[in-house]
Structures are given as C-alpha cells and as structure tokens.
Full PDB file with SEQRES, HELIX, SHEET, SSBOND, CRYST1, ORIGX, SCALE, CONECT and MASTER records, all heavy atoms in Angstrom:
SEQRES   1 A   41  LEU ARG TYR TYR ALA SER ILE VAL HIS ALA VAL GLY ILE          
SEQRES   2 A   41  ARG LEU GLU HIS ASP GLY SER PHE ASP VAL ALA ALA PRO          
SEQRES   3 A   41  PHE GLY LEU GLY ASP MET PHE ALA MET VAL ILE ARG PRO          
SEQRES   4 A   41  ASN ARG                                                      
HELIX    1 AA1 ILE A    7  HIS A    9  5                                   3    
HELIX    2 AA2 GLY A   30  ALA A   34  1                                   5    
SHEET    1 AA1 2 GLY A  12  LEU A  15  0                                        
SHEET    2 AA1 2 PHE A  21  ALA A  24 -1                                        
CRYST1    1.000    1.000    1.000  90.00  90.00  90.00 P 1           1          
ORIGX1      1.000000  0.000000  0.000000        0.00000                         
ORIGX2      0.000000  1.000000  0.000000        0.00000                         
ORIGX3      0.000000  0.000000  1.000000        0.00000                         
SCALE1      1.000000  0.000000  0.000000        0.00000                         
SCALE2      0.000000  1.000000  0.000000        0.00000                         
SCALE3      0.000000  0.000000  1.000000        0.00000                         
ATOM      1  N   LEU A   1      -3.324  -4.812 -30.204  1.00  0.00           N  
ATOM      2  CA  LEU A   1      -2.939  -4.121 -28.974  1.00  0.00           C  
ATOM      3  C   LEU A   1      -3.789  -4.551 -27.787  1.00  0.00           C  
ATOM      4  O   LEU A   1      -3.326  -4.540 -26.651  1.00  0.00           O  
ATOM      5  CB  LEU A   1      -3.033  -2.610 -29.164  1.00  0.00           C  
ATOM      6  CG  LEU A   1      -2.100  -2.010 -30.216  1.00  0.00           C  
ATOM      7  CD1 LEU A   1      -2.429  -0.536 -30.435  1.00  0.00           C  
ATOM      8  CD2 LEU A   1      -0.649  -2.187 -29.834  1.00  0.00           C  
ATOM      9  N   ARG A   2      -5.014  -4.944 -28.014  1.00  0.00           N  
ATOM     10  CA  ARG A   2      -5.911  -5.373 -26.927  1.00  0.00           C  
ATOM     11  C   ARG A   2      -5.468  -6.675 -26.274  1.00  0.00           C  
ATOM     12  O   ARG A   2      -5.966  -7.053 -25.230  1.00  0.00           O  
ATOM     13  CB  ARG A   2      -7.334  -5.517 -27.441  1.00  0.00           C  
ATOM     14  CG  ARG A   2      -7.907  -4.214 -27.909  1.00  0.00           C  
ATOM     15  CD  ARG A   2      -9.422  -4.287 -28.038  1.00  0.00           C  
ATOM     16  NE  ARG A   2      -9.961  -2.965 -28.257  1.00  0.00           N  
ATOM     17  CZ  ARG A   2     -10.200  -2.077 -27.308  1.00  0.00           C  
ATOM     18  NH1 ARG A   2      -9.949  -2.378 -26.056  1.00  0.00           N  
ATOM     19  NH2 ARG A   2     -10.695  -0.895 -27.597  1.00  0.00           N  
ATOM     20  N   TYR A   3      -4.527  -7.381 -26.889  1.00  0.00           N  
ATOM     21  CA  TYR A   3      -4.102  -8.687 -26.388  1.00  0.00           C  
ATOM     22  C   TYR A   3      -2.680  -8.706 -25.849  1.00  0.00           C  
ATOM     23  O   TYR A   3      -2.176  -9.763 -25.482  1.00  0.00           O  
ATOM     24  CB  TYR A   3      -4.266  -9.740 -27.496  1.00  0.00           C  
ATOM     25  CG  TYR A   3      -5.702  -9.876 -27.923  1.00  0.00           C  
ATOM     26  CD1 TYR A   3      -6.181  -9.204 -29.032  1.00  0.00           C  
ATOM     27  CD2 TYR A   3      -6.600 -10.634 -27.180  1.00  0.00           C  
ATOM     28  CE1 TYR A   3      -7.507  -9.294 -29.417  1.00  0.00           C  
ATOM     29  CE2 TYR A   3      -7.923 -10.733 -27.545  1.00  0.00           C  
ATOM     30  CZ  TYR A   3      -8.382 -10.063 -28.658  1.00  0.00           C  
ATOM     31  OH  TYR A   3      -9.691 -10.158 -29.012  1.00  0.00           O  
ATOM     32  N   TYR A   4      -2.010  -7.565 -25.806  1.00  0.00           N  
ATOM     33  CA  TYR A   4      -0.652  -7.524 -25.257  1.00  0.00           C  
ATOM     34  C   TYR A   4      -0.694  -7.967 -23.793  1.00  0.00           C  
ATOM     35  O   TYR A   4      -1.627  -7.657 -23.065  1.00  0.00           O  
ATOM     36  CB  TYR A   4      -0.075  -6.123 -25.359  1.00  0.00           C  
ATOM     37  CG  TYR A   4       0.444  -5.759 -26.735  1.00  0.00           C  
ATOM     38  CD1 TYR A   4      -0.088  -6.292 -27.892  1.00  0.00           C  
ATOM     39  CD2 TYR A   4       1.484  -4.864 -26.864  1.00  0.00           C  
ATOM     40  CE1 TYR A   4       0.397  -5.944 -29.146  1.00  0.00           C  
ATOM     41  CE2 TYR A   4       1.975  -4.508 -28.119  1.00  0.00           C  
ATOM     42  CZ  TYR A   4       1.430  -5.056 -29.246  1.00  0.00           C  
ATOM     43  OH  TYR A   4       1.918  -4.709 -30.474  1.00  0.00           O  
ATOM     44  N   ALA A   5       0.327  -8.639 -23.348  1.00  0.00           N  
ATOM     45  CA  ALA A   5       0.356  -9.200 -21.996  1.00  0.00           C  
ATOM     46  C   ALA A   5       0.356  -8.140 -20.901  1.00  0.00           C  
ATOM     47  O   ALA A   5      -0.157  -8.365 -19.814  1.00  0.00           O  
ATOM     48  CB  ALA A   5       1.567 -10.118 -21.829  1.00  0.00           C  
ATOM     49  N   SER A   6       0.923  -6.985 -21.193  1.00  0.00           N  
ATOM     50  CA  SER A   6       0.966  -5.889 -20.222  1.00  0.00           C  
ATOM     51  C   SER A   6       0.306  -4.662 -20.847  1.00  0.00           C  
ATOM     52  O   SER A   6       0.619  -4.287 -21.983  1.00  0.00           O  
ATOM     53  CB  SER A   6       2.408  -5.561 -19.841  1.00  0.00           C  
ATOM     54  OG  SER A   6       3.055  -6.702 -19.312  1.00  0.00           O  
ATOM     55  N   ILE A   7      -0.557  -4.023 -20.106  1.00  0.00           N  
ATOM     56  CA  ILE A   7      -1.327  -2.887 -20.606  1.00  0.00           C  
ATOM     57  C   ILE A   7      -0.423  -1.757 -21.093  1.00  0.00           C  
ATOM     58  O   ILE A   7      -0.685  -1.145 -22.130  1.00  0.00           O  
ATOM     59  CB  ILE A   7      -2.315  -2.423 -19.525  1.00  0.00           C  
ATOM     60  CG1 ILE A   7      -3.439  -3.454 -19.424  1.00  0.00           C  
ATOM     61  CG2 ILE A   7      -2.856  -1.028 -19.800  1.00  0.00           C  
ATOM     62  CD1 ILE A   7      -4.381  -3.254 -18.267  1.00  0.00           C  
ATOM     63  N   VAL A   8       0.649  -1.487 -20.379  1.00  0.00           N  
ATOM     64  CA  VAL A   8       1.536  -0.375 -20.732  1.00  0.00           C  
ATOM     65  C   VAL A   8       2.168  -0.554 -22.119  1.00  0.00           C  
ATOM     66  O   VAL A   8       2.499   0.419 -22.775  1.00  0.00           O  
ATOM     67  CB  VAL A   8       2.619  -0.175 -19.651  1.00  0.00           C  
ATOM     68  CG1 VAL A   8       3.646  -1.296 -19.684  1.00  0.00           C  
ATOM     69  CG2 VAL A   8       3.283   1.181 -19.776  1.00  0.00           C  
ATOM     70  N   HIS A   9       2.317  -1.778 -22.565  1.00  0.00           N  
ATOM     71  CA  HIS A   9       2.932  -2.031 -23.865  1.00  0.00           C  
ATOM     72  C   HIS A   9       1.939  -1.918 -25.018  1.00  0.00           C  
ATOM     73  O   HIS A   9       2.342  -1.984 -26.179  1.00  0.00           O  
ATOM     74  CB  HIS A   9       3.577  -3.419 -23.879  1.00  0.00           C  
ATOM     75  CG  HIS A   9       4.683  -3.548 -22.903  1.00  0.00           C  
ATOM     76  ND1 HIS A   9       4.799  -4.620 -22.058  1.00  0.00           N  
ATOM     77  CD2 HIS A   9       5.717  -2.720 -22.613  1.00  0.00           C  
ATOM     78  CE1 HIS A   9       5.864  -4.454 -21.293  1.00  0.00           C  
ATOM     79  NE2 HIS A   9       6.442  -3.320 -21.611  1.00  0.00           N  
ATOM     80  N   ALA A  10       0.673  -1.760 -24.730  1.00  0.00           N  
ATOM     81  CA  ALA A  10      -0.366  -1.726 -25.754  1.00  0.00           C  
ATOM     82  C   ALA A  10      -0.499  -0.330 -26.360  1.00  0.00           C  
ATOM     83  O   ALA A  10      -1.525   0.337 -26.253  1.00  0.00           O  
ATOM     84  CB  ALA A  10      -1.694  -2.189 -25.161  1.00  0.00           C  
ATOM     85  N   VAL A  11       0.573   0.120 -26.982  1.00  0.00           N  
ATOM     86  CA  VAL A  11       0.604   1.434 -27.624  1.00  0.00           C  
ATOM     87  C   VAL A  11       1.245   1.264 -28.991  1.00  0.00           C  
ATOM     88  O   VAL A  11       2.301   0.650 -29.116  1.00  0.00           O  
ATOM     89  CB  VAL A  11       1.425   2.448 -26.791  1.00  0.00           C  
ATOM     90  CG1 VAL A  11       1.524   3.786 -27.503  1.00  0.00           C  
ATOM     91  CG2 VAL A  11       0.815   2.618 -25.401  1.00  0.00           C  
ATOM     92  N   GLY A  12       0.580   1.805 -29.994  1.00  0.00           N  
ATOM     93  CA  GLY A  12       1.129   1.770 -31.342  1.00  0.00           C  
ATOM     94  C   GLY A  12       1.135   3.176 -31.919  1.00  0.00           C  
ATOM     95  O   GLY A  12       0.212   3.951 -31.679  1.00  0.00           O  
ATOM     96  N   ILE A  13       2.172   3.504 -32.655  1.00  0.00           N  
ATOM     97  CA  ILE A  13       2.270   4.816 -33.289  1.00  0.00           C  
ATOM     98  C   ILE A  13       2.588   4.598 -34.768  1.00  0.00           C  
ATOM     99  O   ILE A  13       3.513   3.865 -35.105  1.00  0.00           O  
ATOM    100  CB  ILE A  13       3.356   5.688 -32.631  1.00  0.00           C  
ATOM    101  CG1 ILE A  13       3.030   5.888 -31.162  1.00  0.00           C  
ATOM    102  CG2 ILE A  13       3.491   7.017 -33.356  1.00  0.00           C  
ATOM    103  CD1 ILE A  13       4.097   6.608 -30.375  1.00  0.00           C  
ATOM    104  N   ARG A  14       1.784   5.230 -35.599  1.00  0.00           N  
ATOM    105  CA  ARG A  14       1.953   5.094 -37.042  1.00  0.00           C  
ATOM    106  C   ARG A  14       2.216   6.472 -37.641  1.00  0.00           C  
ATOM    107  O   ARG A  14       1.520   7.431 -37.325  1.00  0.00           O  
ATOM    108  CB  ARG A  14       0.680   4.491 -37.633  1.00  0.00           C  
ATOM    109  CG  ARG A  14       0.652   4.329 -39.099  1.00  0.00           C  
ATOM    110  CD  ARG A  14      -0.656   3.704 -39.638  1.00  0.00           C  
ATOM    111  NE  ARG A  14      -1.805   3.764 -38.766  1.00  0.00           N  
ATOM    112  CZ  ARG A  14      -2.345   2.710 -38.113  1.00  0.00           C  
ATOM    113  NH1 ARG A  14      -1.821   1.515 -38.227  1.00  0.00           N  
ATOM    114  NH2 ARG A  14      -3.402   2.855 -37.356  1.00  0.00           N  
ATOM    115  N   LEU A  15       3.227   6.570 -38.486  1.00  0.00           N  
ATOM    116  CA  LEU A  15       3.522   7.807 -39.199  1.00  0.00           C  
ATOM    117  C   LEU A  15       2.622   7.856 -40.432  1.00  0.00           C  
ATOM    118  O   LEU A  15       2.660   6.962 -41.277  1.00  0.00           O  
ATOM    119  CB  LEU A  15       4.998   7.854 -39.605  1.00  0.00           C  
ATOM    120  CG  LEU A  15       5.450   9.069 -40.406  1.00  0.00           C  
ATOM    121  CD1 LEU A  15       5.248  10.361 -39.600  1.00  0.00           C  
ATOM    122  CD2 LEU A  15       6.909   8.916 -40.810  1.00  0.00           C  
ATOM    123  N   GLU A  16       1.824   8.900 -40.527  1.00  0.00           N  
ATOM    124  CA  GLU A  16       0.913   9.066 -41.655  1.00  0.00           C  
ATOM    125  C   GLU A  16       1.637   9.724 -42.826  1.00  0.00           C  
ATOM    126  O   GLU A  16       2.715  10.294 -42.673  1.00  0.00           O  
ATOM    127  CB  GLU A  16      -0.295   9.917 -41.229  1.00  0.00           C  
ATOM    128  CG  GLU A  16      -1.125   9.308 -40.103  1.00  0.00           C  
ATOM    129  CD  GLU A  16      -1.881   8.051 -40.512  1.00  0.00           C  
ATOM    130  OE1 GLU A  16      -1.901   7.692 -41.706  1.00  0.00           O  
ATOM    131  OE2 GLU A  16      -2.464   7.406 -39.622  1.00  0.00           O  
ATOM    132  N   HIS A  17       1.060   9.655 -44.004  1.00  0.00           N  
ATOM    133  CA  HIS A  17       1.672  10.219 -45.218  1.00  0.00           C  
ATOM    134  C   HIS A  17       1.914  11.719 -45.113  1.00  0.00           C  
ATOM    135  O   HIS A  17       2.842  12.245 -45.713  1.00  0.00           O  
ATOM    136  CB  HIS A  17       0.809   9.910 -46.442  1.00  0.00           C  
ATOM    137  CG  HIS A  17       0.748   8.456 -46.764  1.00  0.00           C  
ATOM    138  ND1 HIS A  17       1.833   7.753 -47.219  1.00  0.00           N  
ATOM    139  CD2 HIS A  17      -0.266   7.574 -46.668  1.00  0.00           C  
ATOM    140  CE1 HIS A  17       1.494   6.496 -47.395  1.00  0.00           C  
ATOM    141  NE2 HIS A  17       0.220   6.352 -47.068  1.00  0.00           N  
ATOM    142  N   ASP A  18       1.084  12.407 -44.325  1.00  0.00           N  
ATOM    143  CA  ASP A  18       1.246  13.863 -44.200  1.00  0.00           C  
ATOM    144  C   ASP A  18       2.250  14.262 -43.121  1.00  0.00           C  
ATOM    145  O   ASP A  18       2.424  15.430 -42.812  1.00  0.00           O  
ATOM    146  CB  ASP A  18      -0.101  14.533 -43.937  1.00  0.00           C  
ATOM    147  CG  ASP A  18      -0.715  14.136 -42.598  1.00  0.00           C  
ATOM    148  OD1 ASP A  18      -0.098  13.354 -41.837  1.00  0.00           O  
ATOM    149  OD2 ASP A  18      -1.820  14.615 -42.293  1.00  0.00           O  
ATOM    150  N   GLY A  19       2.917  13.276 -42.519  1.00  0.00           N  
ATOM    151  CA  GLY A  19       3.911  13.557 -41.490  1.00  0.00           C  
ATOM    152  C   GLY A  19       3.364  13.555 -40.075  1.00  0.00           C  
ATOM    153  O   GLY A  19       4.122  13.640 -39.112  1.00  0.00           O  
ATOM    154  N   SER A  20       2.056  13.449 -39.923  1.00  0.00           N  
ATOM    155  CA  SER A  20       1.456  13.400 -38.583  1.00  0.00           C  
ATOM    156  C   SER A  20       1.547  11.976 -38.033  1.00  0.00           C  
ATOM    157  O   SER A  20       1.873  11.033 -38.752  1.00  0.00           O  
ATOM    158  CB  SER A  20      -0.004  13.860 -38.631  1.00  0.00           C  
ATOM    159  OG  SER A  20      -0.776  12.948 -39.384  1.00  0.00           O  
ATOM    160  N   PHE A  21       1.256  11.852 -36.753  1.00  0.00           N  
ATOM    161  CA  PHE A  21       1.285  10.556 -36.096  1.00  0.00           C  
ATOM    162  C   PHE A  21      -0.123  10.137 -35.709  1.00  0.00           C  
ATOM    163  O   PHE A  21      -0.914  10.950 -35.242  1.00  0.00           O  
ATOM    164  CB  PHE A  21       2.148  10.600 -34.823  1.00  0.00           C  
ATOM    165  CG  PHE A  21       3.599  10.830 -35.104  1.00  0.00           C  
ATOM    166  CD1 PHE A  21       4.160  12.079 -34.955  1.00  0.00           C  
ATOM    167  CD2 PHE A  21       4.407   9.781 -35.513  1.00  0.00           C  
ATOM    168  CE1 PHE A  21       5.500  12.300 -35.204  1.00  0.00           C  
ATOM    169  CE2 PHE A  21       5.756   9.989 -35.767  1.00  0.00           C  
ATOM    170  CZ  PHE A  21       6.304  11.255 -35.619  1.00  0.00           C  
ATOM    171  N   ASP A  22      -0.406   8.861 -35.874  1.00  0.00           N  
ATOM    172  CA  ASP A  22      -1.647   8.268 -35.396  1.00  0.00           C  
ATOM    173  C   ASP A  22      -1.273   7.386 -34.206  1.00  0.00           C  
ATOM    174  O   ASP A  22      -0.430   6.492 -34.339  1.00  0.00           O  
ATOM    175  CB  ASP A  22      -2.297   7.427 -36.493  1.00  0.00           C  
ATOM    176  CG  ASP A  22      -3.526   6.691 -36.001  1.00  0.00           C  
ATOM    177  OD1 ASP A  22      -4.377   7.325 -35.345  1.00  0.00           O  
ATOM    178  OD2 ASP A  22      -3.625   5.471 -36.253  1.00  0.00           O  
ATOM    179  N   VAL A  23      -1.840   7.678 -33.047  1.00  0.00           N  
ATOM    180  CA  VAL A  23      -1.543   6.911 -31.838  1.00  0.00           C  
ATOM    181  C   VAL A  23      -2.734   6.013 -31.516  1.00  0.00           C  
ATOM    182  O   VAL A  23      -3.867   6.485 -31.433  1.00  0.00           O  
ATOM    183  CB  VAL A  23      -1.257   7.844 -30.640  1.00  0.00           C  
ATOM    184  CG1 VAL A  23      -1.017   7.038 -29.375  1.00  0.00           C  
ATOM    185  CG2 VAL A  23      -0.059   8.731 -30.936  1.00  0.00           C  
ATOM    186  N   ALA A  24      -2.447   4.732 -31.338  1.00  0.00           N  
ATOM    187  CA  ALA A  24      -3.465   3.772 -30.924  1.00  0.00           C  
ATOM    188  C   ALA A  24      -3.077   3.276 -29.537  1.00  0.00           C  
ATOM    189  O   ALA A  24      -1.990   2.727 -29.352  1.00  0.00           O  
ATOM    190  CB  ALA A  24      -3.546   2.609 -31.906  1.00  0.00           C  
ATOM    191  N   ALA A  25      -3.942   3.495 -28.559  1.00  0.00           N  
ATOM    192  CA  ALA A  25      -3.678   3.075 -27.183  1.00  0.00           C  
ATOM    193  C   ALA A  25      -5.016   2.695 -26.546  1.00  0.00           C  
ATOM    194  O   ALA A  25      -5.641   3.515 -25.880  1.00  0.00           O  
ATOM    195  CB  ALA A  25      -2.995   4.189 -26.406  1.00  0.00           C  
ATOM    196  N   PRO A  26      -5.460   1.455 -26.746  1.00  0.00           N  
ATOM    197  CA  PRO A  26      -6.799   1.073 -26.288  1.00  0.00           C  
ATOM    198  C   PRO A  26      -7.015   1.179 -24.779  1.00  0.00           C  
ATOM    199  O   PRO A  26      -8.151   1.299 -24.333  1.00  0.00           O  
ATOM    200  CB  PRO A  26      -6.948  -0.369 -26.770  1.00  0.00           C  
ATOM    201  CG  PRO A  26      -5.558  -0.852 -26.983  1.00  0.00           C  
ATOM    202  CD  PRO A  26      -4.766   0.356 -27.374  1.00  0.00           C  
ATOM    203  N   PHE A  27      -5.948   1.158 -24.006  1.00  0.00           N  
ATOM    204  CA  PHE A  27      -6.068   1.280 -22.548  1.00  0.00           C  
ATOM    205  C   PHE A  27      -5.611   2.652 -22.058  1.00  0.00           C  
ATOM    206  O   PHE A  27      -5.501   2.883 -20.863  1.00  0.00           O  
ATOM    207  CB  PHE A  27      -5.262   0.185 -21.854  1.00  0.00           C  
ATOM    208  CG  PHE A  27      -5.638  -1.202 -22.293  1.00  0.00           C  
ATOM    209  CD1 PHE A  27      -4.801  -1.926 -23.124  1.00  0.00           C  
ATOM    210  CD2 PHE A  27      -6.835  -1.779 -21.902  1.00  0.00           C  
ATOM    211  CE1 PHE A  27      -5.141  -3.198 -23.548  1.00  0.00           C  
ATOM    212  CE2 PHE A  27      -7.190  -3.050 -22.320  1.00  0.00           C  
ATOM    213  CZ  PHE A  27      -6.339  -3.770 -23.149  1.00  0.00           C  
ATOM    214  N   GLY A  28      -5.301   3.549 -22.984  1.00  0.00           N  
ATOM    215  CA  GLY A  28      -4.822   4.871 -22.627  1.00  0.00           C  
ATOM    216  C   GLY A  28      -3.314   4.883 -22.422  1.00  0.00           C  
ATOM    217  O   GLY A  28      -2.625   3.881 -22.609  1.00  0.00           O  
ATOM    218  N   LEU A  29      -2.819   6.043 -22.022  1.00  0.00           N  
ATOM    219  CA  LEU A  29      -1.380   6.236 -21.829  1.00  0.00           C  
ATOM    220  C   LEU A  29      -0.998   6.455 -20.365  1.00  0.00           C  
ATOM    221  O   LEU A  29       0.166   6.653 -20.048  1.00  0.00           O  
ATOM    222  CB  LEU A  29      -0.903   7.437 -22.657  1.00  0.00           C  
ATOM    223  CG  LEU A  29      -1.122   7.317 -24.169  1.00  0.00           C  
ATOM    224  CD1 LEU A  29      -0.776   8.635 -24.855  1.00  0.00           C  
ATOM    225  CD2 LEU A  29      -0.318   6.169 -24.743  1.00  0.00           C  
ATOM    226  N   GLY A  30      -1.977   6.408 -19.476  1.00  0.00           N  
ATOM    227  CA  GLY A  30      -1.734   6.692 -18.066  1.00  0.00           C  
ATOM    228  C   GLY A  30      -0.672   5.825 -17.424  1.00  0.00           C  
ATOM    229  O   GLY A  30       0.191   6.326 -16.693  1.00  0.00           O  
ATOM    230  N   ASP A  31      -0.697   4.516 -17.688  1.00  0.00           N  
ATOM    231  CA  ASP A  31       0.297   3.621 -17.086  1.00  0.00           C  
ATOM    232  C   ASP A  31       1.700   3.952 -17.567  1.00  0.00           C  
ATOM    233  O   ASP A  31       2.664   3.873 -16.800  1.00  0.00           O  
ATOM    234  CB  ASP A  31      -0.024   2.164 -17.400  1.00  0.00           C  
ATOM    235  CG  ASP A  31      -1.141   1.604 -16.546  1.00  0.00           C  
ATOM    236  OD1 ASP A  31      -1.653   2.329 -15.670  1.00  0.00           O  
ATOM    237  OD2 ASP A  31      -1.525   0.430 -16.762  1.00  0.00           O  
ATOM    238  N   MET A  32       1.841   4.340 -18.825  1.00  0.00           N  
ATOM    239  CA  MET A  32       3.161   4.682 -19.341  1.00  0.00           C  
ATOM    240  C   MET A  32       3.725   5.887 -18.596  1.00  0.00           C  
ATOM    241  O   MET A  32       4.865   5.874 -18.146  1.00  0.00           O  
ATOM    242  CB  MET A  32       3.096   4.990 -20.844  1.00  0.00           C  
ATOM    243  CG  MET A  32       4.463   5.249 -21.426  1.00  0.00           C  
ATOM    244  SD  MET A  32       4.507   5.757 -23.162  1.00  0.00           S  
ATOM    245  CE  MET A  32       3.146   4.950 -23.899  1.00  0.00           C  
ATOM    246  N   PHE A  33       2.922   6.933 -18.453  1.00  0.00           N  
ATOM    247  CA  PHE A  33       3.397   8.132 -17.777  1.00  0.00           C  
ATOM    248  C   PHE A  33       3.581   7.926 -16.277  1.00  0.00           C  
ATOM    249  O   PHE A  33       4.425   8.573 -15.656  1.00  0.00           O  
ATOM    250  CB  PHE A  33       2.456   9.297 -18.058  1.00  0.00           C  
ATOM    251  CG  PHE A  33       2.488   9.724 -19.500  1.00  0.00           C  
ATOM    252  CD1 PHE A  33       1.354   9.639 -20.286  1.00  0.00           C  
ATOM    253  CD2 PHE A  33       3.662  10.187 -20.081  1.00  0.00           C  
ATOM    254  CE1 PHE A  33       1.380  10.013 -21.621  1.00  0.00           C  
ATOM    255  CE2 PHE A  33       3.704  10.567 -21.418  1.00  0.00           C  
ATOM    256  CZ  PHE A  33       2.556  10.471 -22.186  1.00  0.00           C  
ATOM    257  N   ALA A  34       2.826   7.001 -15.690  1.00  0.00           N  
ATOM    258  CA  ALA A  34       2.955   6.704 -14.266  1.00  0.00           C  
ATOM    259  C   ALA A  34       4.028   5.644 -13.991  1.00  0.00           C  
ATOM    260  O   ALA A  34       4.323   5.347 -12.829  1.00  0.00           O  
ATOM    261  CB  ALA A  34       1.617   6.228 -13.704  1.00  0.00           C  
ATOM    262  N   MET A  35       4.590   5.072 -15.053  1.00  0.00           N  
ATOM    263  CA  MET A  35       5.604   4.012 -14.944  1.00  0.00           C  
ATOM    264  C   MET A  35       5.078   2.814 -14.159  1.00  0.00           C  
ATOM    265  O   MET A  35       5.704   2.305 -13.228  1.00  0.00           O  
ATOM    266  CB  MET A  35       6.910   4.543 -14.364  1.00  0.00           C  
ATOM    267  CG  MET A  35       7.541   5.607 -15.251  1.00  0.00           C  
ATOM    268  SD  MET A  35       9.182   6.118 -14.742  1.00  0.00           S  
ATOM    269  CE  MET A  35      10.155   4.718 -15.259  1.00  0.00           C  
ATOM    270  N   VAL A  36       3.893   2.360 -14.569  1.00  0.00           N  
ATOM    271  CA  VAL A  36       3.241   1.209 -13.946  1.00  0.00           C  
ATOM    272  C   VAL A  36       3.062   0.130 -15.000  1.00  0.00           C  
ATOM    273  O   VAL A  36       2.615   0.409 -16.118  1.00  0.00           O  
ATOM    274  CB  VAL A  36       1.863   1.603 -13.367  1.00  0.00           C  
ATOM    275  CG1 VAL A  36       1.111   0.385 -12.867  1.00  0.00           C  
ATOM    276  CG2 VAL A  36       2.028   2.629 -12.261  1.00  0.00           C  
ATOM    277  N   ILE A  37       3.406  -1.086 -14.646  1.00  0.00           N  
ATOM    278  CA  ILE A  37       3.199  -2.225 -15.538  1.00  0.00           C  
ATOM    279  C   ILE A  37       2.147  -3.124 -14.908  1.00  0.00           C  
ATOM    280  O   ILE A  37       2.388  -3.756 -13.881  1.00  0.00           O  
ATOM    281  CB  ILE A  37       4.510  -2.996 -15.792  1.00  0.00           C  
ATOM    282  CG1 ILE A  37       5.548  -2.067 -16.412  1.00  0.00           C  
ATOM    283  CG2 ILE A  37       4.254  -4.205 -16.691  1.00  0.00           C  
ATOM    284  CD1 ILE A  37       6.898  -2.703 -16.624  1.00  0.00           C  
ATOM    285  N   ARG A  38       0.968  -3.120 -15.531  1.00  0.00           N  
ATOM    286  CA  ARG A  38      -0.148  -3.951 -15.059  1.00  0.00           C  
ATOM    287  C   ARG A  38      -0.431  -5.047 -16.079  1.00  0.00           C  
ATOM    288  O   ARG A  38      -0.282  -4.831 -17.275  1.00  0.00           O  
ATOM    289  CB  ARG A  38      -1.417  -3.109 -14.898  1.00  0.00           C  
ATOM    290  CG  ARG A  38      -1.367  -2.159 -13.748  1.00  0.00           C  
ATOM    291  CD  ARG A  38      -2.698  -1.428 -13.545  1.00  0.00           C  
ATOM    292  NE  ARG A  38      -3.021  -0.598 -14.697  1.00  0.00           N  
ATOM    293  CZ  ARG A  38      -4.219  -0.556 -15.269  1.00  0.00           C  
ATOM    294  NH1 ARG A  38      -5.191  -1.297 -14.831  1.00  0.00           N  
ATOM    295  NH2 ARG A  38      -4.424   0.236 -16.303  1.00  0.00           N  
ATOM    296  N   PRO A  39      -0.879  -6.198 -15.599  1.00  0.00           N  
ATOM    297  CA  PRO A  39      -1.197  -7.266 -16.544  1.00  0.00           C  
ATOM    298  C   PRO A  39      -2.487  -6.992 -17.297  1.00  0.00           C  
ATOM    299  O   PRO A  39      -3.402  -6.358 -16.778  1.00  0.00           O  
ATOM    300  CB  PRO A  39      -1.349  -8.494 -15.641  1.00  0.00           C  
ATOM    301  CG  PRO A  39      -1.708  -7.963 -14.309  1.00  0.00           C  
ATOM    302  CD  PRO A  39      -1.058  -6.609 -14.210  1.00  0.00           C  
ATOM    303  N   ASN A  40      -2.522  -7.473 -18.519  1.00  0.00           N  
ATOM    304  CA  ASN A  40      -3.744  -7.490 -19.308  1.00  0.00           C  
ATOM    305  C   ASN A  40      -4.214  -8.939 -19.293  1.00  0.00           C  
ATOM    306  O   ASN A  40      -3.635  -9.787 -19.962  1.00  0.00           O  
ATOM    307  CB  ASN A  40      -3.468  -7.018 -20.734  1.00  0.00           C  
ATOM    308  CG  ASN A  40      -4.702  -7.094 -21.609  1.00  0.00           C  
ATOM    309  OD1 ASN A  40      -5.794  -7.350 -21.136  1.00  0.00           O  
ATOM    310  ND2 ASN A  40      -4.512  -6.868 -22.892  1.00  0.00           N  
ATOM    311  N   ARG A  41      -5.236  -9.223 -18.556  1.00  0.00           N  
ATOM    312  CA  ARG A  41      -5.671 -10.602 -18.346  1.00  0.00           C  
ATOM    313  C   ARG A  41      -6.651 -11.084 -19.424  1.00  0.00           C  
ATOM    314  O   ARG A  41      -7.348 -12.063 -19.220  1.00  0.00           O  
ATOM    315  CB  ARG A  41      -6.267 -10.730 -16.956  1.00  0.00           C  
ATOM    316  CG  ARG A  41      -5.233 -10.486 -15.860  1.00  0.00           C  
ATOM    317  CD  ARG A  41      -5.834 -10.614 -14.464  1.00  0.00           C  
ATOM    318  NE  ARG A  41      -4.831 -10.373 -13.452  1.00  0.00           N  
ATOM    319  CZ  ARG A  41      -4.577  -9.183 -12.917  1.00  0.00           C  
ATOM    320  NH1 ARG A  41      -5.230  -8.120 -13.313  1.00  0.00           N  
ATOM    321  NH2 ARG A  41      -3.663  -9.060 -11.978  1.00  0.00           N  
TER     322      ARG A  41                                                      
MASTER        0    0    0    2    2    0    0    6  321    1    0    4          
END                                                                             
C-alpha cells in the first residue's frame, strides 16, 4: 500500500475469521472522505 501511485487508493480491507474487518491505510482515510486524489511520489 505504501507504493500505490495515488495516496487515496492505498487502502486495504481484510475480513477476519471472526467477521470483523482489519483496515490498512498507511496514509489515512482523509483523502478518500475529502474526494482528493494526490500522488504518492
């Protein structure tokens, strides 16, 4: 996720065995909610 070309796309969600979700977002989720696409250089 740290190498995705755009920061907003660097989000991963994994379904755990207990039904919960594990969210990985090394740059946070702010750009997604703000609808901003910034480059990851």
